[in-house]
Amino acid sequence: LSAPRTAQSVAAEPAEPSTLAVRWQSASVAATL
């Protein structure tokens, strides 16, 4: 926290679309979602 990199907040990264995928143990969870 004393290092220059964290002396102030960095600019937020551009809001580019991302894809989030999750593999569940249960097929019923996936079907409900």
PDB file of all heavy atoms in Angstrom:
ATOM      1  N   LEU A   1       0.818  -1.214   0.000  1.00  0.00           N
ATOM      2  CA  LEU A   1       0.000   0.000   0.000  1.00  0.00           C
ATOM      3  C   LEU A   1       0.853   1.267   0.000  1.00  0.00           C
ATOM      4  O   LEU A   1       0.338   2.353  -0.278  1.00  0.00           O
ATOM      5  CB  LEU A   1      -0.939  -0.003   1.206  1.00  0.00           C
ATOM      6  CG  LEU A   1      -1.967  -1.136   1.237  1.00  0.00           C
ATOM      7  CD1 LEU A   1      -2.874  -0.995   2.452  1.00  0.00           C
ATOM      8  CD2 LEU A   1      -2.796  -1.163  -0.044  1.00  0.00           C
ATOM      9  N   SER A   2       2.127   1.132   0.295  1.00  0.00           N
ATOM     10  CA  SER A   2       3.028   2.279   0.231  1.00  0.00           C
ATOM     11  C   SER A   2       3.603   2.468  -1.165  1.00  0.00           C
ATOM     12  O   SER A   2       4.199   3.509  -1.463  1.00  0.00           O
ATOM     13  CB  SER A   2       4.187   2.100   1.230  1.00  0.00           C
ATOM     14  OG  SER A   2       3.707   2.050   2.553  1.00  0.00           O
ATOM     15  N   ALA A   3       3.442   1.468  -2.017  1.00  0.00           N
ATOM     16  CA  ALA A   3       3.989   1.535  -3.365  1.00  0.00           C
ATOM     17  C   ALA A   3       3.195   2.512  -4.219  1.00  0.00           C
ATOM     18  O   ALA A   3       1.991   2.681  -4.038  1.00  0.00           O
ATOM     19  CB  ALA A   3       3.971   0.145  -3.992  1.00  0.00           C
ATOM     20  N   PRO A   4       3.846   3.162  -5.169  1.00  0.00           N
ATOM     21  CA  PRO A   4       3.156   4.151  -6.016  1.00  0.00           C
ATOM     22  C   PRO A   4       1.942   3.598  -6.747  1.00  0.00           C
ATOM     23  O   PRO A   4       0.958   4.296  -6.953  1.00  0.00           O
ATOM     24  CB  PRO A   4       4.250   4.568  -7.009  1.00  0.00           C
ATOM     25  CG  PRO A   4       5.527   4.318  -6.295  1.00  0.00           C
ATOM     26  CD  PRO A   4       5.284   3.091  -5.460  1.00  0.00           C
ATOM     27  N   ARG A   5       1.968   2.313  -7.130  1.00  0.00           N
ATOM     28  CA  ARG A   5       0.863   1.740  -7.907  1.00  0.00           C
ATOM     29  C   ARG A   5      -0.455   1.818  -7.172  1.00  0.00           C
ATOM     30  O   ARG A   5      -1.518   1.939  -7.773  1.00  0.00           O
ATOM     31  CB  ARG A   5       1.180   0.279  -8.242  1.00  0.00           C
ATOM     32  CG  ARG A   5       0.176  -0.351  -9.197  1.00  0.00           C
ATOM     33  CD  ARG A   5       0.546  -1.790  -9.451  1.00  0.00           C
ATOM     34  NE  ARG A   5       0.279  -2.625  -8.282  1.00  0.00           N
ATOM     35  CZ  ARG A   5      -0.892  -3.212  -8.054  1.00  0.00           C
ATOM     36  NH1 ARG A   5      -1.899  -3.024  -8.873  1.00  0.00           N
ATOM     37  NH2 ARG A   5      -1.065  -3.966  -6.983  1.00  0.00           N
ATOM     38  N   THR A   6      -0.429   1.732  -5.843  1.00  0.00           N
ATOM     39  CA  THR A   6      -1.667   1.739  -5.076  1.00  0.00           C
ATOM     40  C   THR A   6      -1.849   3.027  -4.287  1.00  0.00           C
ATOM     41  O   THR A   6      -2.644   3.105  -3.374  1.00  0.00           O
ATOM     42  CB  THR A   6      -1.706   0.543  -4.109  1.00  0.00           C
ATOM     43  OG1 THR A   6      -0.532   0.571  -3.290  1.00  0.00           O
ATOM     44  CG2 THR A   6      -1.750  -0.760  -4.872  1.00  0.00           C
ATOM     45  N   ALA A   7      -1.123   4.060  -4.645  1.00  0.00           N
ATOM     46  CA  ALA A   7      -1.263   5.327  -3.952  1.00  0.00           C
ATOM     47  C   ALA A   7      -2.597   5.986  -4.265  1.00  0.00           C
ATOM     48  O   ALA A   7      -3.117   6.782  -3.497  1.00  0.00           O
ATOM     49  CB  ALA A   7      -0.121   6.262  -4.324  1.00  0.00           C
ATOM     50  N   GLN A   8      -3.167   5.652  -5.420  1.00  0.00           N
ATOM     51  CA  GLN A   8      -4.484   6.180  -5.763  1.00  0.00           C
ATOM     52  C   GLN A   8      -5.208   5.170  -6.633  1.00  0.00           C
ATOM     53  O   GLN A   8      -4.602   4.275  -7.214  1.00  0.00           O
ATOM     54  CB  GLN A   8      -4.359   7.519  -6.498  1.00  0.00           C
ATOM     55  CG  GLN A   8      -3.548   7.432  -7.786  1.00  0.00           C
ATOM     56  CD  GLN A   8      -3.388   8.793  -8.436  1.00  0.00           C
ATOM     57  OE1 GLN A   8      -3.675   9.817  -7.828  1.00  0.00           O
ATOM     58  NE2 GLN A   8      -2.956   8.806  -9.671  1.00  0.00           N
ATOM     59  N   SER A   9      -6.507   5.309  -6.717  1.00  0.00           N
ATOM     60  CA  SER A   9      -7.300   4.362  -7.483  1.00  0.00           C
ATOM     61  C   SER A   9      -6.915   4.410  -8.955  1.00  0.00           C
ATOM     62  O   SER A   9      -6.631   5.476  -9.504  1.00  0.00           O
ATOM     63  CB  SER A   9      -8.789   4.678  -7.328  1.00  0.00           C
ATOM     64  OG  SER A   9      -9.205   4.515  -5.998  1.00  0.00           O
ATOM     65  N   VAL A  10      -6.929   3.255  -9.597  1.00  0.00           N
ATOM     66  CA  VAL A  10      -6.700   3.213 -11.029  1.00  0.00           C
ATOM     67  C   VAL A  10      -8.009   3.520 -11.732  1.00  0.00           C
ATOM     68  O   VAL A  10      -9.088   3.405 -11.161  1.00  0.00           O
ATOM     69  CB  VAL A  10      -6.189   1.822 -11.461  1.00  0.00           C
ATOM     70  CG1 VAL A  10      -4.851   1.533 -10.812  1.00  0.00           C
ATOM     71  CG2 VAL A  10      -7.187   0.732 -11.125  1.00  0.00           C
ATOM     72  N   ALA A  11      -7.913   3.934 -12.994  1.00  0.00           N
ATOM     73  CA  ALA A  11      -9.120   4.200 -13.760  1.00  0.00           C
ATOM     74  C   ALA A  11      -9.843   2.889 -14.032  1.00  0.00           C
ATOM     75  O   ALA A  11      -9.220   1.846 -14.267  1.00  0.00           O
ATOM     76  CB  ALA A  11      -8.760   4.874 -15.077  1.00  0.00           C
ATOM     77  N   ALA A  12     -11.158   2.914 -13.979  1.00  0.00           N
ATOM     78  CA  ALA A  12     -11.936   1.716 -14.255  1.00  0.00           C
ATOM     79  C   ALA A  12     -11.672   1.241 -15.676  1.00  0.00           C
ATOM     80  O   ALA A  12     -11.522   2.033 -16.601  1.00  0.00           O
ATOM     81  CB  ALA A  12     -13.423   2.002 -14.072  1.00  0.00           C
ATOM     82  N   GLU A  13     -11.584  -0.082 -15.858  1.00  0.00           N
ATOM     83  CA  GLU A  13     -11.380  -0.623 -17.180  1.00  0.00           C
ATOM     84  C   GLU A  13     -12.634  -0.390 -18.032  1.00  0.00           C
ATOM     85  O   GLU A  13     -13.748  -0.327 -17.505  1.00  0.00           O
ATOM     86  CB  GLU A  13     -11.067  -2.119 -17.082  1.00  0.00           C
ATOM     87  CG  GLU A  13      -9.737  -2.396 -16.408  1.00  0.00           C
ATOM     88  CD  GLU A  13      -9.395  -3.867 -16.399  1.00  0.00           C
ATOM     89  OE1 GLU A  13     -10.247  -4.676 -16.830  1.00  0.00           O
ATOM     90  OE2 GLU A  13      -8.283  -4.208 -15.972  1.00  0.00           O
ATOM     91  N   PRO A  14     -12.468  -0.263 -19.370  1.00  0.00           N
ATOM     92  CA  PRO A  14     -13.625  -0.064 -20.235  1.00  0.00           C
ATOM     93  C   PRO A  14     -14.646  -1.172 -20.040  1.00  0.00           C
ATOM     94  O   PRO A  14     -14.299  -2.343 -19.849  1.00  0.00           O
ATOM     95  CB  PRO A  14     -13.016  -0.106 -21.644  1.00  0.00           C
ATOM     96  CG  PRO A  14     -11.579   0.274 -21.450  1.00  0.00           C
ATOM     97  CD  PRO A  14     -11.203  -0.281 -20.112  1.00  0.00           C
ATOM     98  N   ALA A  15     -15.920  -0.765 -20.076  1.00  0.00           N
ATOM     99  CA  ALA A  15     -17.001  -1.727 -19.835  1.00  0.00           C
ATOM    100  C   ALA A  15     -17.266  -2.526 -21.101  1.00  0.00           C
ATOM    101  O   ALA A  15     -18.228  -2.290 -21.835  1.00  0.00           O
ATOM    102  CB  ALA A  15     -18.261  -1.001 -19.378  1.00  0.00           C
ATOM    103  N   GLU A  16     -16.391  -3.487 -21.389  1.00  0.00           N
ATOM    104  CA  GLU A  16     -16.558  -4.349 -22.545  1.00  0.00           C
ATOM    105  C   GLU A  16     -17.323  -5.609 -22.127  1.00  0.00           C
ATOM    106  O   GLU A  16     -17.114  -6.130 -21.037  1.00  0.00           O
ATOM    107  CB  GLU A  16     -15.196  -4.724 -23.134  1.00  0.00           C
ATOM    108  CG  GLU A  16     -14.413  -3.511 -23.650  1.00  0.00           C
ATOM    109  CD  GLU A  16     -13.081  -3.901 -24.233  1.00  0.00           C
ATOM    110  OE1 GLU A  16     -12.761  -5.114 -24.177  1.00  0.00           O
ATOM    111  OE2 GLU A  16     -12.372  -3.020 -24.741  1.00  0.00           O
ATOM    112  N   PRO A  17     -18.187  -6.105 -23.013  1.00  0.00           N
ATOM    113  CA  PRO A  17     -18.961  -7.297 -22.649  1.00  0.00           C
ATOM    114  C   PRO A  17     -18.067  -8.502 -22.369  1.00  0.00           C
ATOM    115  O   PRO A  17     -17.049  -8.713 -23.036  1.00  0.00           O
ATOM    116  CB  PRO A  17     -19.841  -7.534 -23.885  1.00  0.00           C
ATOM    117  CG  PRO A  17     -19.904  -6.203 -24.560  1.00  0.00           C
ATOM    118  CD  PRO A  17     -18.571  -5.563 -24.318  1.00  0.00           C
ATOM    119  N   SER A  18     -18.429  -9.267 -21.373  1.00  0.00           N
ATOM    120  CA  SER A  18     -17.754 -10.508 -21.041  1.00  0.00           C
ATOM    121  C   SER A  18     -18.775 -11.632 -21.025  1.00  0.00           C
ATOM    122  O   SER A  18     -19.981 -11.394 -20.957  1.00  0.00           O
ATOM    123  CB  SER A  18     -17.090 -10.412 -19.661  1.00  0.00           C
ATOM    124  OG  SER A  18     -15.992  -9.520 -19.680  1.00  0.00           O
ATOM    125  N   THR A  19     -18.278 -12.853 -21.081  1.00  0.00           N
ATOM    126  CA  THR A  19     -19.135 -14.037 -20.986  1.00  0.00           C
ATOM    127  C   THR A  19     -18.755 -14.820 -19.748  1.00  0.00           C
ATOM    128  O   THR A  19     -17.585 -15.181 -19.571  1.00  0.00           O
ATOM    129  CB  THR A  19     -19.000 -14.929 -22.229  1.00  0.00           C
ATOM    130  OG1 THR A  19     -19.371 -14.187 -23.391  1.00  0.00           O
ATOM    131  CG2 THR A  19     -19.903 -16.160 -22.105  1.00  0.00           C
ATOM    132  N   LEU A  20     -19.724 -15.059 -18.891  1.00  0.00           N
ATOM    133  CA  LEU A  20     -19.521 -15.864 -17.692  1.00  0.00           C
ATOM    134  C   LEU A  20     -20.271 -17.173 -17.873  1.00  0.00           C
ATOM    135  O   LEU A  20     -21.469 -17.168 -18.169  1.00  0.00           O
ATOM    136  CB  LEU A  20     -20.038 -15.138 -16.454  1.00  0.00           C
ATOM    137  CG  LEU A  20     -19.833 -15.856 -15.115  1.00  0.00           C
ATOM    138  CD1 LEU A  20     -18.358 -15.892 -14.753  1.00  0.00           C
ATOM    139  CD2 LEU A  20     -20.635 -15.183 -14.015  1.00  0.00           C
ATOM    140  N   ALA A  21     -19.569 -18.280 -17.712  1.00  0.00           N
ATOM    141  CA  ALA A  21     -20.188 -19.608 -17.841  1.00  0.00           C
ATOM    142  C   ALA A  21     -19.928 -20.406 -16.575  1.00  0.00           C
ATOM    143  O   ALA A  21     -18.842 -20.326 -15.993  1.00  0.00           O
ATOM    144  CB  ALA A  21     -19.623 -20.339 -19.055  1.00  0.00           C
ATOM    145  N   VAL A  22     -20.932 -21.167 -16.150  1.00  0.00           N
ATOM    146  CA  VAL A  22     -20.827 -21.973 -14.932  1.00  0.00           C
ATOM    147  C   VAL A  22     -21.346 -23.380 -15.216  1.00  0.00           C
ATOM    148  O   VAL A  22     -22.443 -23.553 -15.760  1.00  0.00           O
ATOM    149  CB  VAL A  22     -21.639 -21.355 -13.773  1.00  0.00           C
ATOM    150  CG1 VAL A  22     -21.544 -22.245 -12.534  1.00  0.00           C
ATOM    151  CG2 VAL A  22     -21.160 -19.951 -13.471  1.00  0.00           C
ATOM    152  N   ARG A  23     -20.531 -24.371 -14.844  1.00  0.00           N
ATOM    153  CA  ARG A  23     -20.957 -25.766 -14.943  1.00  0.00           C
ATOM    154  C   ARG A  23     -21.349 -26.242 -13.554  1.00  0.00           C
ATOM    155  O   ARG A  23     -20.529 -26.247 -12.620  1.00  0.00           O
ATOM    156  CB  ARG A  23     -19.844 -26.645 -15.506  1.00  0.00           C
ATOM    157  CG  ARG A  23     -20.249 -28.111 -15.689  1.00  0.00           C
ATOM    158  CD  ARG A  23     -19.169 -28.901 -16.416  1.00  0.00           C
ATOM    159  NE  ARG A  23     -19.533 -30.300 -16.581  1.00  0.00           N
ATOM    160  CZ  ARG A  23     -20.316 -30.775 -17.537  1.00  0.00           C
ATOM    161  NH1 ARG A  23     -20.859 -29.950 -18.417  1.00  0.00           N
ATOM    162  NH2 ARG A  23     -20.585 -32.073 -17.626  1.00  0.00           N
ATOM    163  N   TRP A  24     -22.611 -26.637 -13.410  1.00  0.00           N
ATOM    164  CA  TRP A  24     -23.162 -27.064 -12.139  1.00  0.00           C
ATOM    165  C   TRP A  24     -23.105 -28.577 -12.018  1.00  0.00           C
ATOM    166  O   TRP A  24     -23.112 -29.292 -13.014  1.00  0.00           O
ATOM    167  CB  TRP A  24     -24.611 -26.596 -12.014  1.00  0.00           C
ATOM    168  CG  TRP A  24     -24.766 -25.122 -12.177  1.00  0.00           C
ATOM    169  CD1 TRP A  24     -24.957 -24.439 -13.340  1.00  0.00           C
ATOM    170  CD2 TRP A  24     -24.712 -24.143 -11.141  1.00  0.00           C
ATOM    171  NE1 TRP A  24     -25.023 -23.086 -13.090  1.00  0.00           N
ATOM    172  CE2 TRP A  24     -24.879 -22.867 -11.753  1.00  0.00           C
ATOM    173  CE3 TRP A  24     -24.545 -24.198  -9.757  1.00  0.00           C
ATOM    174  CZ2 TRP A  24     -24.880 -21.685 -11.030  1.00  0.00           C
ATOM    175  CZ3 TRP A  24     -24.545 -23.019  -9.025  1.00  0.00           C
ATOM    176  CH2 TRP A  24     -24.715 -21.777  -9.659  1.00  0.00           C
ATOM    177  N   GLN A  25     -23.119 -29.056 -10.804  1.00  0.00           N
ATOM    178  CA  GLN A  25     -23.205 -30.497 -10.601  1.00  0.00           C
ATOM    179  C   GLN A  25     -24.578 -31.011 -10.999  1.00  0.00           C
ATOM    180  O   GLN A  25     -24.719 -32.121 -11.514  1.00  0.00           O
ATOM    181  CB  GLN A  25     -22.931 -30.845  -9.134  1.00  0.00           C
ATOM    182  CG  GLN A  25     -22.910 -32.348  -8.871  1.00  0.00           C
ATOM    183  CD  GLN A  25     -22.923 -32.671  -7.403  1.00  0.00           C
ATOM    184  OE1 GLN A  25     -23.827 -32.238  -6.683  1.00  0.00           O
ATOM    185  NE2 GLN A  25     -21.933 -33.414  -6.940  1.00  0.00           N
ATOM    186  N   SER A  26     -25.588 -30.189 -10.785  1.00  0.00           N
ATOM    187  CA  SER A  26     -26.972 -30.609 -10.996  1.00  0.00           C
ATOM    188  C   SER A  26     -27.551 -30.020 -12.276  1.00  0.00           C
ATOM    189  O   SER A  26     -27.533 -28.796 -12.479  1.00  0.00           O
ATOM    190  CB  SER A  26     -27.828 -30.163  -9.800  1.00  0.00           C
ATOM    191  OG  SER A  26     -29.201 -30.326 -10.076  1.00  0.00           O
ATOM    192  N   ALA A  27     -28.102 -30.870 -13.113  1.00  0.00           N
ATOM    193  CA  ALA A  27     -28.779 -30.398 -14.313  1.00  0.00           C
ATOM    194  C   ALA A  27     -30.027 -29.610 -13.976  1.00  0.00           C
ATOM    195  O   ALA A  27     -30.450 -28.729 -14.739  1.00  0.00           O
ATOM    196  CB  ALA A  27     -29.122 -31.582 -15.218  1.00  0.00           C
ATOM    197  N   SER A  28     -30.645 -29.886 -12.824  1.00  0.00           N
ATOM    198  CA  SER A  28     -31.859 -29.165 -12.455  1.00  0.00           C
ATOM    199  C   SER A  28     -31.558 -27.702 -12.151  1.00  0.00           C
ATOM    200  O   SER A  28     -32.382 -26.826 -12.425  1.00  0.00           O
ATOM    201  CB  SER A  28     -32.535 -29.824 -11.257  1.00  0.00           C
ATOM    202  OG  SER A  28     -31.727 -29.756 -10.102  1.00  0.00           O
ATOM    203  N   VAL A  29     -30.386 -27.421 -11.594  1.00  0.00           N
ATOM    204  CA  VAL A  29     -30.000 -26.026 -11.364  1.00  0.00           C
ATOM    205  C   VAL A  29     -29.863 -25.308 -12.700  1.00  0.00           C
ATOM    206  O   VAL A  29     -30.397 -24.211 -12.900  1.00  0.00           O
ATOM    207  CB  VAL A  29     -28.687 -25.944 -10.562  1.00  0.00           C
ATOM    208  CG1 VAL A  29     -28.179 -24.498 -10.516  1.00  0.00           C
ATOM    209  CG2 VAL A  29     -28.887 -26.459  -9.148  1.00  0.00           C
ATOM    210  N   ALA A  30     -29.130 -25.911 -13.625  1.00  0.00           N
ATOM    211  CA  ALA A  30     -28.942 -25.291 -14.930  1.00  0.00           C
ATOM    212  C   ALA A  30     -30.284 -25.059 -15.629  1.00  0.00           C
ATOM    213  O   ALA A  30     -30.523 -23.984 -16.204  1.00  0.00           O
ATOM    214  CB  ALA A  30     -28.041 -26.163 -15.794  1.00  0.00           C
ATOM    215  N   ALA A  31     -31.182 -26.041 -15.581  1.00  0.00           N
ATOM    216  CA  ALA A  31     -32.479 -25.903 -16.240  1.00  0.00           C
ATOM    217  C   ALA A  31     -33.292 -24.775 -15.630  1.00  0.00           C
ATOM    218  O   ALA A  31     -33.959 -24.012 -16.338  1.00  0.00           O
ATOM    219  CB  ALA A  31     -33.245 -27.228 -16.156  1.00  0.00           C
ATOM    220  N   THR A  32     -33.248 -24.636 -14.315  1.00  0.00           N
ATOM    221  CA  THR A  32     -34.005 -23.573 -13.650  1.00  0.00           C
ATOM    222  C   THR A  32     -33.460 -22.202 -14.016  1.00  0.00           C
ATOM    223  O   THR A  32     -34.222 -21.255 -14.235  1.00  0.00           O
ATOM    224  CB  THR A  32     -33.958 -23.769 -12.121  1.00  0.00           C
ATOM    225  OG1 THR A  32     -34.491 -25.056 -11.800  1.00  0.00           O
ATOM    226  CG2 THR A  32     -34.767 -22.699 -11.405  1.00  0.00           C
ATOM    227  N   LEU A  33     -32.139 -22.071 -14.113  1.00  0.00           N
ATOM    228  CA  LEU A  33     -31.526 -20.779 -14.422  1.00  0.00           C
ATOM    229  C   LEU A  33     -31.873 -20.297 -15.825  1.00  0.00           C
ATOM    230  O   LEU A  33     -31.808 -19.093 -16.109  1.00  0.00           O
ATOM    231  CB  LEU A  33     -30.005 -20.866 -14.270  1.00  0.00           C
ATOM    232  CG  LEU A  33     -29.497 -21.046 -12.836  1.00  0.00           C
ATOM    233  CD1 LEU A  33     -27.985 -21.239 -12.832  1.00  0.00           C
ATOM    234  CD2 LEU A  33     -29.879 -19.852 -11.965  1.00  0.00           C
TER     235      LEU A  33
END
